[in-house]
């Protein structure tokens, strides 16, 4: 049997190779839980720069979360106007802040999620408007080290091209399928690195259009590569870089 016929074996090989290619990343949170939640909500179909601008303008305009909660809806829509759907996101932010305030008895903090089970925390977060599996998983993994796996378009694309996921598997369904494959083998730190590395890979190499297959260290077991170029030759494998060259190719994003 080919060692890469199993979806789990392919996913774990991907993890091992990209760990080496991009380097192990520490699991320190990139931002506070509240910022992770609201910023990710604002980021839907929006550039990172426009998401950051909307977030900063919102807090500059209203001072704090209490101010945002009680801001007139039209004013909040105006403050976050650089996002894709400000008129949809503004009432969602009001609803989310109201629910957090009620849950905590008056504060705007998600720290209580640290003491909840992963299942309870996931159910509570995804019950809020606009908070799907990806956003909830980012908050729980990045901020609370819960054993979950965020799947965005980049991770999803890499996994489909490798053949870990079938061509009809949606992003939403991929969360559970990939987690079932990886959770027996990876702890929260491993899941964090799997997400970050495949997110980077989709952004930097495995593009939606014209992926940079010659640079890809996964070509030896990638279905897409085989369909486009045939089996990876020893010469192609030998010519593949083993590490991300930031000096030549640029610094990796956040």
C-alpha atoms as a PDB file:
ATOM      1  CA  UNK A   1       0.000   0.000   0.000  1.00  0.00           C
ATOM      2  CA  UNK A   2       1.203   3.481  -0.852  1.00  0.00           C
ATOM      3  CA  UNK A   3       1.877   5.213   2.509  1.00  0.00           C
ATOM      4  CA  UNK A   4       0.017   8.269   1.228  1.00  0.00           C
ATOM      5  CA  UNK A   5      -3.211   6.584   0.151  1.00  0.00           C
ATOM      6  CA  UNK A   6      -4.734   7.247   3.570  1.00  0.00           C
ATOM      7  CA  UNK A   7      -6.163  10.749   4.090  1.00  0.00           C
ATOM      8  CA  UNK A   8      -4.843  10.745   7.657  1.00  0.00           C
ATOM      9  CA  UNK A   9      -1.355   9.763   6.485  1.00  0.00           C
ATOM     10  CA  UNK A  10      -1.370  12.553   3.909  1.00  0.00           C
ATOM     11  CA  UNK A  11      -2.532  15.125   6.474  1.00  0.00           C
ATOM     12  CA  UNK A  12       0.157  14.066   8.933  1.00  0.00           C
ATOM     13  CA  UNK A  13       2.833  14.064   6.225  1.00  0.00           C
ATOM     14  CA  UNK A  14       1.715  17.582   5.296  1.00  0.00           C
ATOM     15  CA  UNK A  15       2.088  18.586   8.951  1.00  0.00           C
ATOM     16  CA  UNK A  16       5.564  17.103   9.279  1.00  0.00           C
ATOM     17  CA  UNK A  17       6.871  18.633   6.050  1.00  0.00           C
ATOM     18  CA  UNK A  18       5.369  22.106   6.546  1.00  0.00           C
ATOM     19  CA  UNK A  19       6.591  22.166  10.167  1.00  0.00           C
ATOM     20  CA  UNK A  20      10.071  21.922   8.732  1.00  0.00           C
ATOM     21  CA  UNK A  21       9.423  24.183   5.748  1.00  0.00           C
ATOM     22  CA  UNK A  22       7.888  27.129   7.640  1.00  0.00           C
ATOM     23  CA  UNK A  23       9.246  26.455  11.115  1.00  0.00           C
ATOM     24  CA  UNK A  24       7.404  25.692  14.326  1.00  0.00           C
ATOM     25  CA  UNK A  25       5.270  28.591  15.554  1.00  0.00           C
ATOM     26  CA  UNK A  26       4.659  29.225  19.291  1.00  0.00           C
ATOM     27  CA  UNK A  27       1.013  29.271  20.345  1.00  0.00           C
ATOM     28  CA  UNK A  28       1.082  32.736  21.920  1.00  0.00           C
ATOM     29  CA  UNK A  29      -2.191  34.578  21.115  1.00  0.00           C
ATOM     30  CA  UNK A  30      -1.815  37.211  18.410  1.00  0.00           C
ATOM     31  CA  UNK A  31      -4.480  39.408  20.039  1.00  0.00           C
ATOM     32  CA  UNK A  32      -6.974  39.415  22.929  1.00  0.00           C
ATOM     33  CA  UNK A  33     -10.004  37.094  22.776  1.00  0.00           C
ATOM     34  CA  UNK A  34     -12.413  40.002  22.259  1.00  0.00           C
ATOM     35  CA  UNK A  35     -10.307  41.431  19.463  1.00  0.00           C
ATOM     36  CA  UNK A  36      -9.934  38.004  17.867  1.00  0.00           C
ATOM     37  CA  UNK A  37     -13.693  37.531  17.890  1.00  0.00           C
ATOM     38  CA  UNK A  38     -14.735  40.955  16.602  1.00  0.00           C
ATOM     39  CA  UNK A  39     -11.831  41.374  14.166  1.00  0.00           C
ATOM     40  CA  UNK A  40     -12.482  37.975  12.593  1.00  0.00           C
ATOM     41  CA  UNK A  41     -16.152  38.878  12.241  1.00  0.00           C
ATOM     42  CA  UNK A  42     -15.132  42.096  10.475  1.00  0.00           C
ATOM     43  CA  UNK A  43     -12.644  40.266   8.243  1.00  0.00           C
ATOM     44  CA  UNK A  44     -15.208  38.314   6.209  1.00  0.00           C
ATOM     45  CA  UNK A  45     -14.459  39.008   2.520  1.00  0.00           C
ATOM     46  CA  UNK A  46     -12.413  42.018   3.652  1.00  0.00           C
ATOM     47  CA  UNK A  47      -8.688  42.724   3.415  1.00  0.00           C
ATOM     48  CA  UNK A  48      -6.646  42.653   6.600  1.00  0.00           C
ATOM     49  CA  UNK A  49      -5.872  46.375   6.253  1.00  0.00           C
ATOM     50  CA  UNK A  50      -9.551  47.305   5.905  1.00  0.00           C
ATOM     51  CA  UNK A  51     -10.516  45.034   8.799  1.00  0.00           C
ATOM     52  CA  UNK A  52      -7.918  46.705  11.049  1.00  0.00           C
ATOM     53  CA  UNK A  53      -9.078  50.153   9.943  1.00  0.00           C
ATOM     54  CA  UNK A  54     -12.707  49.328  10.745  1.00  0.00           C
ATOM     55  CA  UNK A  55     -11.817  47.936  14.170  1.00  0.00           C
ATOM     56  CA  UNK A  56      -9.676  50.944  15.090  1.00  0.00           C
ATOM     57  CA  UNK A  57     -12.247  53.466  13.865  1.00  0.00           C
ATOM     58  CA  UNK A  58     -14.982  51.729  15.838  1.00  0.00           C
ATOM     59  CA  UNK A  59     -13.156  51.960  19.164  1.00  0.00           C
ATOM     60  CA  UNK A  60     -11.860  55.446  18.444  1.00  0.00           C
ATOM     61  CA  UNK A  61     -15.412  56.608  17.765  1.00  0.00           C
ATOM     62  CA  UNK A  62     -17.089  54.975  20.766  1.00  0.00           C
ATOM     63  CA  UNK A  63     -14.286  54.579  23.321  1.00  0.00           C
ATOM     64  CA  UNK A  64     -14.873  51.052  24.626  1.00  0.00           C
ATOM     65  CA  UNK A  65     -17.181  48.063  24.213  1.00  0.00           C
ATOM     66  CA  UNK A  66     -19.892  49.676  26.324  1.00  0.00           C
ATOM     67  CA  UNK A  67     -19.783  52.640  23.965  1.00  0.00           C
ATOM     68  CA  UNK A  68     -19.931  50.370  20.921  1.00  0.00           C
ATOM     69  CA  UNK A  69     -22.901  48.482  22.399  1.00  0.00           C
ATOM     70  CA  UNK A  70     -24.911  51.684  22.832  1.00  0.00           C
ATOM     71  CA  UNK A  71     -23.732  53.421  19.647  1.00  0.00           C
ATOM     72  CA  UNK A  72     -26.504  54.415  17.232  1.00  0.00           C
ATOM     73  CA  UNK A  73     -26.671  51.777  14.533  1.00  0.00           C
ATOM     74  CA  UNK A  74     -26.070  54.203  11.661  1.00  0.00           C
ATOM     75  CA  UNK A  75     -22.988  55.579  13.434  1.00  0.00           C
ATOM     76  CA  UNK A  76     -21.588  52.091  13.967  1.00  0.00           C
ATOM     77  CA  UNK A  77     -22.235  51.214  10.327  1.00  0.00           C
ATOM     78  CA  UNK A  78     -20.313  54.322   9.324  1.00  0.00           C
ATOM     79  CA  UNK A  79     -17.403  53.506  11.654  1.00  0.00           C
ATOM     80  CA  UNK A  80     -16.919  50.023  10.135  1.00  0.00           C
ATOM     81  CA  UNK A  81     -17.624  51.105   6.550  1.00  0.00           C
ATOM     82  CA  UNK A  82     -14.376  49.622   5.218  1.00  0.00           C
ATOM     83  CA  UNK A  83     -15.707  46.100   5.835  1.00  0.00           C
ATOM     84  CA  UNK A  84     -17.554  44.151   3.155  1.00  0.00           C
ATOM     85  CA  UNK A  85     -21.030  44.309   4.709  1.00  0.00           C
ATOM     86  CA  UNK A  86     -21.113  47.024   7.409  1.00  0.00           C
ATOM     87  CA  UNK A  87     -24.921  47.188   7.516  1.00  0.00           C
ATOM     88  CA  UNK A  88     -25.024  43.461   8.298  1.00  0.00           C
ATOM     89  CA  UNK A  89     -22.091  43.363  10.705  1.00  0.00           C
ATOM     90  CA  UNK A  90     -23.066  46.359  12.861  1.00  0.00           C
ATOM     91  CA  UNK A  91     -26.256  44.830  14.340  1.00  0.00           C
ATOM     92  CA  UNK A  92     -24.387  41.553  14.797  1.00  0.00           C
ATOM     93  CA  UNK A  93     -21.754  43.364  16.868  1.00  0.00           C
ATOM     94  CA  UNK A  94     -24.503  44.890  19.027  1.00  0.00           C
ATOM     95  CA  UNK A  95     -26.065  41.455  19.570  1.00  0.00           C
ATOM     96  CA  UNK A  96     -22.731  39.783  20.333  1.00  0.00           C
ATOM     97  CA  UNK A  97     -21.724  42.443  22.862  1.00  0.00           C
ATOM     98  CA  UNK A  98     -25.116  42.238  24.562  1.00  0.00           C
ATOM     99  CA  UNK A  99     -24.812  38.451  24.902  1.00  0.00           C
ATOM    100  CA  UNK A 100     -21.284  38.663  26.312  1.00  0.00           C
ATOM    101  CA  UNK A 101     -22.345  41.318  28.818  1.00  0.00           C
ATOM    102  CA  UNK A 102     -25.289  39.170  29.926  1.00  0.00           C
ATOM    103  CA  UNK A 103     -23.138  36.017  30.236  1.00  0.00           C
ATOM    104  CA  UNK A 104     -20.481  37.770  32.321  1.00  0.00           C
ATOM    105  CA  UNK A 105     -22.827  39.862  34.437  1.00  0.00           C
ATOM    106  CA  UNK A 106     -21.599  43.155  33.059  1.00  0.00           C
ATOM    107  CA  UNK A 107     -18.084  42.820  31.643  1.00  0.00           C
ATOM    108  CA  UNK A 108     -16.852  42.434  28.091  1.00  0.00           C
ATOM    109  CA  UNK A 109     -14.491  39.505  28.429  1.00  0.00           C
ATOM    110  CA  UNK A 110     -14.362  35.999  27.013  1.00  0.00           C
ATOM    111  CA  UNK A 111     -12.009  34.682  29.688  1.00  0.00           C
ATOM    112  CA  UNK A 112     -14.762  32.465  31.108  1.00  0.00           C
ATOM    113  CA  UNK A 113     -14.414  30.242  28.033  1.00  0.00           C
ATOM    114  CA  UNK A 114     -11.105  28.957  29.416  1.00  0.00           C
ATOM    115  CA  UNK A 115     -13.040  27.029  32.078  1.00  0.00           C
ATOM    116  CA  UNK A 116     -15.667  25.638  29.731  1.00  0.00           C
ATOM    117  CA  UNK A 117     -15.423  22.407  27.790  1.00  0.00           C
ATOM    118  CA  UNK A 118     -14.518  22.748  24.141  1.00  0.00           C
ATOM    119  CA  UNK A 119     -17.957  21.546  23.085  1.00  0.00           C
ATOM    120  CA  UNK A 120     -19.811  23.990  25.338  1.00  0.00           C
ATOM    121  CA  UNK A 121     -17.629  26.926  24.281  1.00  0.00           C
ATOM    122  CA  UNK A 122     -18.034  26.084  20.594  1.00  0.00           C
ATOM    123  CA  UNK A 123     -21.806  25.800  20.908  1.00  0.00           C
ATOM    124  CA  UNK A 124     -22.049  29.113  22.776  1.00  0.00           C
ATOM    125  CA  UNK A 125     -19.915  31.010  20.269  1.00  0.00           C
ATOM    126  CA  UNK A 126     -21.563  29.623  17.144  1.00  0.00           C
ATOM    127  CA  UNK A 127     -25.005  30.438  18.531  1.00  0.00           C
ATOM    128  CA  UNK A 128     -24.177  34.131  18.066  1.00  0.00           C
ATOM    129  CA  UNK A 129     -25.019  35.899  14.786  1.00  0.00           C
ATOM    130  CA  UNK A 130     -22.251  35.832  12.214  1.00  0.00           C
ATOM    131  CA  UNK A 131     -20.004  33.525  14.248  1.00  0.00           C
ATOM    132  CA  UNK A 132     -19.340  30.348  12.323  1.00  0.00           C
ATOM    133  CA  UNK A 133     -17.027  27.425  12.918  1.00  0.00           C
ATOM    134  CA  UNK A 134     -13.955  29.212  11.577  1.00  0.00           C
ATOM    135  CA  UNK A 135     -14.310  32.289  13.796  1.00  0.00           C
ATOM    136  CA  UNK A 136     -15.178  30.245  16.883  1.00  0.00           C
ATOM    137  CA  UNK A 137     -12.289  27.854  16.234  1.00  0.00           C
ATOM    138  CA  UNK A 138      -9.808  30.723  15.850  1.00  0.00           C
ATOM    139  CA  UNK A 139     -10.831  32.181  19.211  1.00  0.00           C
ATOM    140  CA  UNK A 140     -10.778  28.837  21.015  1.00  0.00           C
ATOM    141  CA  UNK A 141      -7.493  27.614  19.514  1.00  0.00           C
ATOM    142  CA  UNK A 142      -5.509  30.854  19.419  1.00  0.00           C
ATOM    143  CA  UNK A 143      -6.608  32.263  22.773  1.00  0.00           C
ATOM    144  CA  UNK A 144      -7.559  29.260  24.884  1.00  0.00           C
ATOM    145  CA  UNK A 145      -5.597  26.368  23.330  1.00  0.00           C
ATOM    146  CA  UNK A 146      -8.703  24.285  22.859  1.00  0.00           C
ATOM    147  CA  UNK A 147      -8.138  21.299  20.518  1.00  0.00           C
ATOM    148  CA  UNK A 148     -10.028  22.613  17.498  1.00  0.00           C
ATOM    149  CA  UNK A 149      -8.977  23.356  13.922  1.00  0.00           C
ATOM    150  CA  UNK A 150      -9.926  26.514  12.015  1.00  0.00           C
ATOM    151  CA  UNK A 151     -10.363  25.856   8.296  1.00  0.00           C
ATOM    152  CA  UNK A 152     -10.348  28.834   5.954  1.00  0.00           C
ATOM    153  CA  UNK A 153     -10.281  28.921   2.150  1.00  0.00           C
ATOM    154  CA  UNK A 154      -6.496  28.446   2.043  1.00  0.00           C
ATOM    155  CA  UNK A 155      -6.396  25.398   4.325  1.00  0.00           C
ATOM    156  CA  UNK A 156      -9.395  23.950   2.491  1.00  0.00           C
ATOM    157  CA  UNK A 157      -7.764  24.396  -0.937  1.00  0.00           C
ATOM    158  CA  UNK A 158      -4.469  22.774   0.108  1.00  0.00           C
ATOM    159  CA  UNK A 159      -6.280  19.804   1.644  1.00  0.00           C
ATOM    160  CA  UNK A 160      -8.419  19.286  -1.455  1.00  0.00           C
ATOM    161  CA  UNK A 161      -5.462  19.468  -3.822  1.00  0.00           C
ATOM    162  CA  UNK A 162      -3.515  16.974  -1.754  1.00  0.00           C
ATOM    163  CA  UNK A 163      -6.507  14.634  -1.779  1.00  0.00           C
ATOM    164  CA  UNK A 164      -7.078  14.716   1.973  1.00  0.00           C
ATOM    165  CA  UNK A 165     -10.554  16.149   1.354  1.00  0.00           C
ATOM    166  CA  UNK A 166     -12.864  15.218  -1.487  1.00  0.00           C
ATOM    167  CA  UNK A 167     -13.743  17.764  -4.179  1.00  0.00           C
ATOM    168  CA  UNK A 168     -17.300  18.247  -2.861  1.00  0.00           C
ATOM    169  CA  UNK A 169     -16.398  18.707   0.819  1.00  0.00           C
ATOM    170  CA  UNK A 170     -17.379  22.209   1.937  1.00  0.00           C
ATOM    171  CA  UNK A 171     -15.289  24.430   4.192  1.00  0.00           C
ATOM    172  CA  UNK A 172     -17.828  23.991   7.003  1.00  0.00           C
ATOM    173  CA  UNK A 173     -17.803  20.198   6.761  1.00  0.00           C
ATOM    174  CA  UNK A 174     -13.996  20.182   6.517  1.00  0.00           C
ATOM    175  CA  UNK A 175     -13.672  21.416  10.124  1.00  0.00           C
ATOM    176  CA  UNK A 176     -14.997  18.172  11.556  1.00  0.00           C
ATOM    177  CA  UNK A 177     -13.435  15.849   8.982  1.00  0.00           C
ATOM    178  CA  UNK A 178      -9.911  17.263   9.377  1.00  0.00           C
ATOM    179  CA  UNK A 179     -10.167  17.415  13.145  1.00  0.00           C
ATOM    180  CA  UNK A 180     -11.214  13.754  13.256  1.00  0.00           C
ATOM    181  CA  UNK A 181      -8.120  12.865  11.189  1.00  0.00           C
ATOM    182  CA  UNK A 182      -5.654  14.932  13.209  1.00  0.00           C
ATOM    183  CA  UNK A 183      -6.902  15.048  16.797  1.00  0.00           C
ATOM    184  CA  UNK A 184      -5.744  11.521  17.676  1.00  0.00           C
ATOM    185  CA  UNK A 185      -2.186  12.561  16.723  1.00  0.00           C
ATOM    186  CA  UNK A 186      -1.876  16.310  17.391  1.00  0.00           C
ATOM    187  CA  UNK A 187      -2.386  18.368  20.527  1.00  0.00           C
ATOM    188  CA  UNK A 188      -3.570  21.989  20.445  1.00  0.00           C
ATOM    189  CA  UNK A 189      -0.060  23.213  19.575  1.00  0.00           C
ATOM    190  CA  UNK A 190       0.124  20.774  16.678  1.00  0.00           C
ATOM    191  CA  UNK A 191      -3.323  21.830  15.450  1.00  0.00           C
ATOM    192  CA  UNK A 192      -2.295  25.487  15.714  1.00  0.00           C
ATOM    193  CA  UNK A 193       0.780  24.853  13.568  1.00  0.00           C
ATOM    194  CA  UNK A 194      -1.192  22.761  11.087  1.00  0.00           C
ATOM    195  CA  UNK A 195      -3.584  25.683  10.630  1.00  0.00           C
ATOM    196  CA  UNK A 196      -0.887  28.370  10.386  1.00  0.00           C
ATOM    197  CA  UNK A 197       1.330  26.419   8.014  1.00  0.00           C
ATOM    198  CA  UNK A 198      -1.455  25.462   5.612  1.00  0.00           C
ATOM    199  CA  UNK A 199      -2.884  28.989   5.793  1.00  0.00           C
ATOM    200  CA  UNK A 200       0.522  30.324   4.756  1.00  0.00           C
ATOM    201  CA  UNK A 201       0.906  27.611   2.137  1.00  0.00           C
ATOM    202  CA  UNK A 202      -2.365  28.557   0.481  1.00  0.00           C
ATOM    203  CA  UNK A 203      -1.421  32.236   0.558  1.00  0.00           C
ATOM    204  CA  UNK A 204       2.188  31.942  -0.563  1.00  0.00           C
ATOM    205  CA  UNK A 205       2.503  28.831  -2.757  1.00  0.00           C
ATOM    206  CA  UNK A 206      -0.752  26.927  -3.352  1.00  0.00           C
ATOM    207  CA  UNK A 207      -2.551  29.870  -4.945  1.00  0.00           C
ATOM    208  CA  UNK A 208      -6.122  29.608  -6.218  1.00  0.00           C
ATOM    209  CA  UNK A 209      -4.806  30.389  -9.701  1.00  0.00           C
ATOM    210  CA  UNK A 210      -1.418  29.297 -11.011  1.00  0.00           C
ATOM    211  CA  UNK A 211      -0.015  27.695  -7.850  1.00  0.00           C
ATOM    212  CA  UNK A 212       3.766  27.704  -7.543  1.00  0.00           C
ATOM    213  CA  UNK A 213       4.118  23.920  -7.744  1.00  0.00           C
ATOM    214  CA  UNK A 214       7.910  23.895  -8.362  1.00  0.00           C
ATOM    215  CA  UNK A 215       8.428  25.527  -4.943  1.00  0.00           C
ATOM    216  CA  UNK A 216       5.985  23.214  -3.138  1.00  0.00           C
ATOM    217  CA  UNK A 217       7.484  20.637  -0.759  1.00  0.00           C
ATOM    218  CA  UNK A 218       4.263  18.571  -0.871  1.00  0.00           C
ATOM    219  CA  UNK A 219       4.488  17.639  -4.558  1.00  0.00           C
ATOM    220  CA  UNK A 220       5.573  14.076  -3.812  1.00  0.00           C
ATOM    221  CA  UNK A 221       2.056  13.116  -2.716  1.00  0.00           C
ATOM    222  CA  UNK A 222      -0.144  15.884  -4.120  1.00  0.00           C
ATOM    223  CA  UNK A 223      -3.041  14.819  -6.349  1.00  0.00           C
ATOM    224  CA  UNK A 224      -3.121  18.196  -8.093  1.00  0.00           C
ATOM    225  CA  UNK A 225       0.581  18.022  -8.959  1.00  0.00           C
ATOM    226  CA  UNK A 226       0.190  14.505 -10.305  1.00  0.00           C
ATOM    227  CA  UNK A 227      -2.780  15.545 -12.457  1.00  0.00           C
ATOM    228  CA  UNK A 228      -0.911  18.538 -13.884  1.00  0.00           C
ATOM    229  CA  UNK A 229       2.642  17.211 -14.214  1.00  0.00           C
ATOM    230  CA  UNK A 230       2.602  13.472 -13.548  1.00  0.00           C
ATOM    231  CA  UNK A 231       4.501  11.748 -10.759  1.00  0.00           C
ATOM    232  CA  UNK A 232       7.086  13.987  -9.118  1.00  0.00           C
ATOM    233  CA  UNK A 233      10.467  12.957 -10.492  1.00  0.00           C
ATOM    234  CA  UNK A 234      13.563  12.547  -8.318  1.00  0.00           C
ATOM    235  CA  UNK A 235      14.977  15.614 -10.068  1.00  0.00           C
ATOM    236  CA  UNK A 236      11.872  17.707  -9.248  1.00  0.00           C
ATOM    237  CA  UNK A 237      11.949  16.579  -5.638  1.00  0.00           C
ATOM    238  CA  UNK A 238      15.675  17.290  -5.326  1.00  0.00           C
ATOM    239  CA  UNK A 239      15.158  20.813  -6.694  1.00  0.00           C
ATOM    240  CA  UNK A 240      12.406  21.638  -4.189  1.00  0.00           C
ATOM    241  CA  UNK A 241      13.371  24.105  -1.423  1.00  0.00           C
ATOM    242  CA  UNK A 242      13.323  22.646   2.073  1.00  0.00           C
ATOM    243  CA  UNK A 243      12.678  25.905   3.957  1.00  0.00           C
ATOM    244  CA  UNK A 244      10.828  29.159   3.361  1.00  0.00           C
ATOM    245  CA  UNK A 245      13.363  31.747   2.219  1.00  0.00           C
ATOM    246  CA  UNK A 246      12.099  35.013   3.723  1.00  0.00           C
ATOM    247  CA  UNK A 247      15.015  37.002   2.315  1.00  0.00           C
ATOM    248  CA  UNK A 248      14.216  35.951  -1.235  1.00  0.00           C
ATOM    249  CA  UNK A 249      10.435  35.465  -1.134  1.00  0.00           C
ATOM    250  CA  UNK A 250       9.254  37.875   1.557  1.00  0.00           C
ATOM    251  CA  UNK A 251       8.209  37.748   5.190  1.00  0.00           C
ATOM    252  CA  UNK A 252       5.270  35.528   6.077  1.00  0.00           C
ATOM    253  CA  UNK A 253       2.066  37.363   7.086  1.00  0.00           C
ATOM    254  CA  UNK A 254       0.491  37.503  10.557  1.00  0.00           C
END
